[in-house]
Amino acid sequence: MEVVPISIAAIAALLSVVATYLAVRSRDMLAAVVFSAVQSTAYALIYYVLMAPDIVLVYIPVSVGILPAVAVLLIKKTERYES
């Protein structure tokens, strides 16, 4: 058992928890989308450490690319700040 990948996964898990908290607490919708993308990137890193590259190859474009792009387009059509 290697210590380095487990510590990387632990740091990524902590980063994902922090990013999730910040996304939920943010009143700025654009910042919440960025925090959500950071959380998704941390999850992708965890999947990579757990040796699931096929999931990573699908998860990154969808959750880090397409989902934030659609959310930003929707935010442009509504209000950016939560009242």
N, C-alpha and C. Protein backbone atom coordinates (compact mmCIF):
# COMPACT_ATOMS: atom_id res chain seq x y z
N MET A 1 0.85 -1.18 0.00
CA MET A 1 0.00 0.00 0.00
C MET A 1 0.89 1.24 0.00
N GLU A 2 0.65 2.10 -0.97
CA GLU A 2 1.44 3.31 -1.06
C GLU A 2 0.77 4.43 -0.27
N VAL A 3 1.59 5.24 0.36
CA VAL A 3 1.07 6.32 1.19
C VAL A 3 0.73 7.55 0.34
N VAL A 4 1.48 7.80 -0.72
CA VAL A 4 1.31 9.01 -1.51
C VAL A 4 -0.07 9.09 -2.17
N PRO A 5 -0.54 8.08 -2.89
CA PRO A 5 -1.88 8.21 -3.49
C PRO A 5 -3.00 8.36 -2.47
N ILE A 6 -2.85 7.71 -1.33
CA ILE A 6 -3.88 7.83 -0.30
C ILE A 6 -3.90 9.24 0.27
N SER A 7 -2.73 9.84 0.46
CA SER A 7 -2.71 11.22 0.97
C SER A 7 -3.23 12.20 -0.07
N ILE A 8 -2.98 11.93 -1.36
CA ILE A 8 -3.53 12.79 -2.41
C ILE A 8 -5.05 12.69 -2.41
N ALA A 9 -5.57 11.49 -2.26
CA ALA A 9 -7.02 11.31 -2.21
C ALA A 9 -7.61 11.99 -0.99
N ALA A 10 -6.92 11.94 0.13
CA ALA A 10 -7.41 12.59 1.34
C ALA A 10 -7.44 14.11 1.17
N ILE A 11 -6.41 14.67 0.57
CA ILE A 11 -6.38 16.11 0.33
C ILE A 11 -7.47 16.51 -0.66
N ALA A 12 -7.68 15.70 -1.70
CA ALA A 12 -8.73 15.98 -2.68
C ALA A 12 -10.11 15.90 -2.03
N ALA A 13 -10.29 14.94 -1.12
CA ALA A 13 -11.58 14.83 -0.43
C ALA A 13 -11.82 16.04 0.46
N LEU A 14 -10.80 16.51 1.15
CA LEU A 14 -10.94 17.70 1.98
C LEU A 14 -11.22 18.92 1.11
N LEU A 15 -10.54 19.03 -0.01
CA LEU A 15 -10.78 20.13 -0.94
C LEU A 15 -12.21 20.10 -1.47
N SER A 16 -12.73 18.92 -1.75
CA SER A 16 -14.09 18.82 -2.26
C SER A 16 -15.11 19.23 -1.20
N VAL A 17 -14.85 18.90 0.05
CA VAL A 17 -15.77 19.30 1.12
C VAL A 17 -15.77 20.83 1.28
N VAL A 18 -14.59 21.42 1.24
CA VAL A 18 -14.49 22.88 1.37
C VAL A 18 -15.16 23.56 0.19
N ALA A 19 -14.91 23.07 -1.03
CA ALA A 19 -15.52 23.67 -2.22
C ALA A 19 -17.04 23.52 -2.20
N THR A 20 -17.54 22.41 -1.72
CA THR A 20 -18.98 22.22 -1.62
C THR A 20 -19.58 23.20 -0.63
N TYR A 21 -18.94 23.37 0.51
CA TYR A 21 -19.43 24.33 1.50
C TYR A 21 -19.46 25.74 0.93
N LEU A 22 -18.38 26.13 0.25
CA LEU A 22 -18.32 27.46 -0.33
C LEU A 22 -19.35 27.65 -1.45
N ALA A 23 -19.60 26.61 -2.21
CA ALA A 23 -20.61 26.70 -3.27
C ALA A 23 -22.00 26.88 -2.69
N VAL A 24 -22.29 26.21 -1.59
CA VAL A 24 -23.61 26.32 -0.97
C VAL A 24 -23.79 27.67 -0.29
N ARG A 25 -22.75 28.19 0.32
CA ARG A 25 -22.84 29.44 1.06
C ARG A 25 -22.71 30.69 0.19
N SER A 26 -22.24 30.55 -1.02
CA SER A 26 -21.98 31.71 -1.88
C SER A 26 -23.29 32.32 -2.37
N ARG A 27 -23.38 33.64 -2.31
CA ARG A 27 -24.53 34.35 -2.84
C ARG A 27 -24.33 34.69 -4.32
N ASP A 28 -23.09 34.66 -4.78
CA ASP A 28 -22.77 34.90 -6.18
C ASP A 28 -22.87 33.57 -6.93
N MET A 29 -23.80 33.49 -7.86
CA MET A 29 -24.04 32.24 -8.56
C MET A 29 -22.84 31.83 -9.42
N LEU A 30 -22.14 32.81 -10.00
CA LEU A 30 -20.98 32.48 -10.81
C LEU A 30 -19.86 31.88 -9.96
N ALA A 31 -19.65 32.42 -8.77
CA ALA A 31 -18.66 31.85 -7.85
C ALA A 31 -19.08 30.44 -7.42
N ALA A 32 -20.37 30.23 -7.24
CA ALA A 32 -20.85 28.90 -6.86
C ALA A 32 -20.58 27.88 -7.96
N VAL A 33 -20.70 28.31 -9.22
CA VAL A 33 -20.40 27.41 -10.34
C VAL A 33 -18.91 27.08 -10.35
N VAL A 34 -18.07 28.06 -10.08
CA VAL A 34 -16.62 27.82 -10.04
C VAL A 34 -16.28 26.86 -8.91
N PHE A 35 -16.88 27.06 -7.73
CA PHE A 35 -16.63 26.15 -6.61
C PHE A 35 -17.12 24.74 -6.93
N SER A 36 -18.22 24.64 -7.63
CA SER A 36 -18.73 23.34 -8.04
C SER A 36 -17.76 22.65 -9.01
N ALA A 37 -17.16 23.42 -9.91
CA ALA A 37 -16.17 22.85 -10.82
C ALA A 37 -14.93 22.40 -10.07
N VAL A 38 -14.54 23.14 -9.05
CA VAL A 38 -13.39 22.72 -8.22
C VAL A 38 -13.71 21.42 -7.50
N GLN A 39 -14.93 21.32 -6.98
CA GLN A 39 -15.35 20.09 -6.32
C GLN A 39 -15.31 18.91 -7.30
N SER A 40 -15.79 19.13 -8.51
CA SER A 40 -15.78 18.06 -9.51
C SER A 40 -14.37 17.66 -9.89
N THR A 41 -13.47 18.62 -9.96
CA THR A 41 -12.08 18.32 -10.26
C THR A 41 -11.46 17.47 -9.14
N ALA A 42 -11.80 17.79 -7.89
CA ALA A 42 -11.29 17.00 -6.77
C ALA A 42 -11.83 15.57 -6.83
N TYR A 43 -13.11 15.42 -7.20
CA TYR A 43 -13.67 14.08 -7.34
C TYR A 43 -12.97 13.31 -8.46
N ALA A 44 -12.68 14.00 -9.56
CA ALA A 44 -11.99 13.34 -10.67
C ALA A 44 -10.60 12.88 -10.23
N LEU A 45 -9.93 13.68 -9.41
CA LEU A 45 -8.62 13.28 -8.90
C LEU A 45 -8.74 12.05 -8.00
N ILE A 46 -9.79 12.00 -7.20
CA ILE A 46 -10.01 10.82 -6.35
C ILE A 46 -10.25 9.58 -7.21
N TYR A 47 -11.07 9.72 -8.26
CA TYR A 47 -11.31 8.59 -9.16
C TYR A 47 -10.01 8.13 -9.82
N TYR A 48 -9.17 9.07 -10.18
CA TYR A 48 -7.89 8.72 -10.81
C TYR A 48 -6.99 7.97 -9.84
N VAL A 49 -6.94 8.42 -8.59
CA VAL A 49 -6.12 7.74 -7.58
C VAL A 49 -6.66 6.35 -7.31
N LEU A 50 -7.97 6.18 -7.39
CA LEU A 50 -8.58 4.88 -7.18
C LEU A 50 -8.52 3.97 -8.41
N MET A 51 -7.76 4.43 -9.42
CA MET A 51 -7.51 3.66 -10.64
C MET A 51 -8.78 3.39 -11.43
N ALA A 52 -9.55 4.44 -11.67
CA ALA A 52 -10.74 4.35 -12.50
C ALA A 52 -10.63 5.37 -13.64
N PRO A 53 -9.66 5.17 -14.55
CA PRO A 53 -9.44 6.19 -15.59
C PRO A 53 -10.61 6.33 -16.56
N ASP A 54 -11.37 5.27 -16.78
CA ASP A 54 -12.51 5.37 -17.68
C ASP A 54 -13.58 6.32 -17.13
N ILE A 55 -13.78 6.29 -15.82
CA ILE A 55 -14.73 7.20 -15.20
C ILE A 55 -14.20 8.63 -15.26
N VAL A 56 -12.91 8.80 -15.06
CA VAL A 56 -12.30 10.13 -15.12
C VAL A 56 -12.45 10.73 -16.51
N LEU A 57 -12.26 9.93 -17.54
CA LEU A 57 -12.35 10.43 -18.91
C LEU A 57 -13.76 10.90 -19.26
N VAL A 58 -14.77 10.37 -18.61
CA VAL A 58 -16.14 10.82 -18.84
C VAL A 58 -16.51 11.93 -17.87
N TYR A 59 -16.04 11.83 -16.63
CA TYR A 59 -16.45 12.76 -15.58
C TYR A 59 -15.90 14.16 -15.80
N ILE A 60 -14.66 14.28 -16.26
CA ILE A 60 -14.05 15.60 -16.44
C ILE A 60 -14.79 16.43 -17.50
N PRO A 61 -15.01 15.92 -18.71
CA PRO A 61 -15.71 16.78 -19.68
C PRO A 61 -17.13 17.14 -19.27
N VAL A 62 -17.81 16.23 -18.62
CA VAL A 62 -19.20 16.49 -18.26
C VAL A 62 -19.29 17.43 -17.06
N SER A 63 -18.62 17.10 -15.97
CA SER A 63 -18.81 17.86 -14.74
C SER A 63 -17.93 19.09 -14.61
N VAL A 64 -16.83 19.13 -15.35
CA VAL A 64 -15.95 20.29 -15.28
C VAL A 64 -16.13 21.17 -16.52
N GLY A 65 -16.62 20.62 -17.61
CA GLY A 65 -16.75 21.38 -18.83
C GLY A 65 -18.18 21.75 -19.19
N ILE A 66 -19.00 20.75 -19.45
CA ILE A 66 -20.34 21.00 -19.97
C ILE A 66 -21.27 21.58 -18.90
N LEU A 67 -21.29 20.99 -17.72
CA LEU A 67 -22.20 21.45 -16.67
C LEU A 67 -21.95 22.91 -16.27
N PRO A 68 -20.71 23.33 -16.00
CA PRO A 68 -20.49 24.76 -15.70
C PRO A 68 -20.82 25.68 -16.88
N ALA A 69 -20.57 25.23 -18.10
CA ALA A 69 -20.89 26.07 -19.26
C ALA A 69 -22.40 26.31 -19.36
N VAL A 70 -23.17 25.28 -19.15
CA VAL A 70 -24.63 25.42 -19.18
C VAL A 70 -25.10 26.29 -18.01
N ALA A 71 -24.49 26.10 -16.84
CA ALA A 71 -24.88 26.90 -15.68
C ALA A 71 -24.56 28.38 -15.89
N VAL A 72 -23.42 28.68 -16.50
CA VAL A 72 -23.06 30.07 -16.77
C VAL A 72 -24.03 30.68 -17.77
N LEU A 73 -24.42 29.93 -18.78
CA LEU A 73 -25.41 30.44 -19.74
C LEU A 73 -26.75 30.72 -19.05
N LEU A 74 -27.15 29.85 -18.14
CA LEU A 74 -28.40 30.08 -17.41
C LEU A 74 -28.29 31.28 -16.47
N ILE A 75 -27.12 31.46 -15.86
CA ILE A 75 -26.93 32.60 -14.97
C ILE A 75 -26.98 33.90 -15.76
N LYS A 76 -26.46 33.89 -16.99
CA LYS A 76 -26.52 35.09 -17.82
C LYS A 76 -27.95 35.49 -18.12
N LYS A 77 -28.86 34.53 -18.19
CA LYS A 77 -30.26 34.82 -18.50
C LYS A 77 -31.07 35.20 -17.26
N THR A 78 -30.51 34.98 -16.08
CA THR A 78 -31.19 35.34 -14.84
C THR A 78 -30.31 36.31 -14.06
N GLU A 79 -30.54 36.40 -12.77
CA GLU A 79 -29.73 37.28 -11.93
C GLU A 79 -28.50 36.55 -11.43
N ARG A 80 -27.39 37.29 -11.34
CA ARG A 80 -26.14 36.67 -10.92
C ARG A 80 -26.10 36.48 -9.40
N TYR A 81 -26.66 37.41 -8.67
CA TYR A 81 -26.59 37.35 -7.21
C TYR A 81 -27.91 36.88 -6.62
N GLU A 82 -27.80 36.03 -5.63
CA GLU A 82 -28.99 35.54 -4.95
C GLU A 82 -29.47 36.61 -3.98
N SER A 83 -30.75 36.85 -3.97
CA SER A 83 -31.28 37.91 -3.09
C SER A 83 -31.66 37.37 -1.75
